[in-house]
Amino acid sequence: MEPKIIKVPDETSVDRAMKVDDPMLLLVSHDTQTLIISTADHAMEHVILLRLAGFKDTELDRFYRVVVNRDGADWTFVCPESYKGITDRTRRIKEFYDNGFDTIKAALNHIGYAVNLSIPHRYRRHFSELSVKNLNN
């Protein structure tokens, strides 16, 4: 099933910004069914983008957060404590990484960004306890 794509503030503005390679904020729902996209200049932060798309702030933990342009995509890696009800912290973070990587890459390809996905160093604090091998794909 194709995901629902919500472009904020509207399709024309987002499409125009993508053509000139403005940095975009992207939210990808964990269930892969919803993509929300806007320019970084318009939304400024992922939680603001979520609100602009008609969602509640409390729903942010249902989404993977990404900043993307043609140079690449940066994943704001923040694993919610409630992710899939997994209580073991290490297993939860590993599953969040594995699922997120696949889901985000598919979403990026779906909207026309065949770029590398990376996690900035400031979001890698959990990785010392994981056996994550390739963080920049």
Protein backbone atom coordinates (compact mmCIF):
# COMPACT_ATOMS: atom_id res chain seq x y z
CA MET A 1 0.00 0.00 0.00
CA GLU A 2 1.27 3.45 -0.93
CA PRO A 3 1.91 5.79 2.00
CA LYS A 4 -0.12 8.95 2.41
CA ILE A 5 2.13 11.93 1.65
CA ILE A 6 1.30 15.19 3.40
CA LYS A 7 3.10 18.21 1.97
CA VAL A 8 3.16 21.30 4.20
CA PRO A 9 2.12 24.01 3.51
CA ASP A 10 1.00 22.61 0.13
CA GLU A 11 2.08 20.39 -2.75
CA THR A 12 3.19 23.21 -5.04
CA SER A 13 5.47 24.82 -2.43
CA VAL A 14 7.06 21.53 -1.43
CA ASP A 15 7.57 20.37 -5.02
CA ARG A 16 9.17 23.71 -5.93
CA ALA A 17 11.50 23.54 -2.91
CA MET A 18 12.52 19.97 -3.73
CA LYS A 19 13.39 21.01 -7.31
CA VAL A 20 15.79 23.70 -6.08
CA ASP A 21 17.17 21.33 -3.42
CA ASP A 22 16.12 23.22 -0.32
CA PRO A 23 16.68 21.24 2.89
CA MET A 24 13.50 19.36 3.73
CA LEU A 25 12.14 18.05 7.02
CA LEU A 26 10.62 14.60 6.71
CA LEU A 27 8.57 12.59 9.17
CA VAL A 28 8.03 8.90 8.37
CA SER A 29 5.52 6.99 10.46
CA HIS A 30 6.78 3.79 12.05
CA ASP A 31 3.96 1.91 10.32
CA THR A 32 5.16 3.28 6.93
CA GLN A 33 1.70 4.64 6.11
CA THR A 34 2.34 8.39 6.47
CA LEU A 35 5.07 10.71 5.16
CA ILE A 36 5.01 14.39 6.13
CA ILE A 37 7.36 16.77 4.33
CA SER A 38 8.10 20.49 4.35
CA THR A 39 10.99 22.85 3.85
CA ALA A 40 13.17 23.36 6.88
CA ASP A 41 12.59 27.11 6.51
CA HIS A 42 8.81 26.68 6.71
CA ALA A 43 8.51 24.15 9.53
CA MET A 44 11.86 24.75 11.33
CA GLU A 45 11.54 21.68 13.59
CA HIS A 46 9.96 18.25 13.33
CA VAL A 47 7.48 18.87 16.13
CA ILE A 48 6.32 22.06 14.40
CA LEU A 49 5.95 20.14 11.13
CA LEU A 50 3.86 17.55 12.95
CA ARG A 51 1.54 20.27 14.27
CA LEU A 52 1.29 21.96 10.87
CA ALA A 53 0.18 18.62 9.40
CA GLY A 54 -2.66 18.40 11.93
CA PHE A 55 -1.14 15.97 14.43
CA LYS A 56 -0.63 16.38 18.18
CA ASP A 57 2.82 16.94 19.69
CA THR A 58 2.39 13.71 21.62
CA GLU A 59 2.34 11.76 18.34
CA LEU A 60 5.96 12.65 17.50
CA ASP A 61 7.22 9.33 18.87
CA ARG A 62 5.24 7.55 16.11
CA PHE A 63 7.59 9.00 13.48
CA TYR A 64 11.19 8.73 12.35
CA ARG A 65 12.68 12.23 11.91
CA VAL A 66 14.88 13.11 8.94
CA VAL A 67 16.44 16.17 7.31
CA VAL A 68 17.14 15.62 3.60
CA ASN A 69 18.39 17.22 0.42
CA ARG A 70 20.30 15.89 -2.61
CA ASP A 71 23.54 15.72 -0.56
CA GLY A 72 22.09 13.14 1.80
CA ALA A 73 19.70 12.46 4.64
CA ASP A 74 20.37 12.87 8.36
CA TRP A 75 18.31 10.79 10.75
CA THR A 76 17.55 12.41 14.07
CA PHE A 77 17.93 9.14 15.96
CA VAL A 78 15.72 9.28 19.06
CA CYS A 79 14.32 5.92 20.13
CA PRO A 80 11.13 6.23 22.20
CA GLU A 81 11.05 4.18 25.40
CA SER A 82 7.66 2.84 24.30
CA TYR A 83 8.88 1.62 20.88
CA LYS A 84 6.90 -1.54 20.02
CA GLY A 85 6.51 -2.29 23.74
CA ILE A 86 10.08 -3.63 23.89
CA THR A 87 11.27 -3.30 27.47
CA ASP A 88 14.88 -4.41 26.96
CA ARG A 89 16.69 -1.17 26.14
CA THR A 90 19.43 -2.63 23.95
CA ARG A 91 17.02 -4.78 21.95
CA ARG A 92 14.60 -1.84 21.58
CA ILE A 93 17.32 0.48 20.21
CA LYS A 94 18.62 -2.19 17.85
CA GLU A 95 15.13 -2.92 16.50
CA PHE A 96 14.40 0.80 16.17
CA TYR A 97 17.60 1.19 14.17
CA ASP A 98 16.94 -1.83 11.93
CA ASN A 99 13.29 -0.96 11.26
CA GLY A 100 13.98 2.75 10.92
CA PHE A 101 16.81 2.31 8.48
CA ASP A 102 14.70 0.18 6.13
CA THR A 103 11.58 2.34 6.51
CA ILE A 104 13.38 5.65 6.01
CA LYS A 105 15.34 4.41 2.98
CA ALA A 106 12.09 3.22 1.36
CA ALA A 107 10.39 6.56 2.12
CA LEU A 108 13.31 8.54 0.71
CA ASN A 109 13.25 6.50 -2.48
CA HIS A 110 9.47 6.92 -2.69
CA ILE A 111 9.76 10.72 -2.72
CA GLY A 112 12.69 10.73 -5.12
CA TYR A 113 15.74 10.98 -2.85
CA ALA A 114 18.16 8.16 -3.64
CA VAL A 115 20.70 9.44 -1.12
CA ASN A 116 22.81 8.09 1.71
CA LEU A 117 21.19 7.95 5.14
CA SER A 118 23.40 8.88 8.05
CA ILE A 119 23.03 9.50 11.74
CA PRO A 120 24.88 12.59 12.95
CA HIS A 121 27.39 11.92 15.72
CA ARG A 122 25.34 13.78 18.32
CA TYR A 123 22.61 11.13 17.93
CA ARG A 124 24.92 8.11 18.21
CA ARG A 125 25.15 8.03 22.01
CA HIS A 126 23.47 4.61 22.22
CA PHE A 127 25.56 2.89 19.60
CA SER A 128 28.48 1.95 21.84
CA GLU A 129 26.29 -0.78 23.32
CA LEU A 130 25.04 -2.06 19.98
CA SER A 131 26.65 -4.04 17.22
CA VAL A 132 25.57 -1.58 14.54
CA LYS A 133 28.14 -1.88 11.80
CA ASN A 134 27.21 0.60 9.07
CA LEU A 135 25.77 3.93 10.15
CA ASN A 136 26.28 5.77 6.87
CA ASN A 137 24.36 4.21 3.98
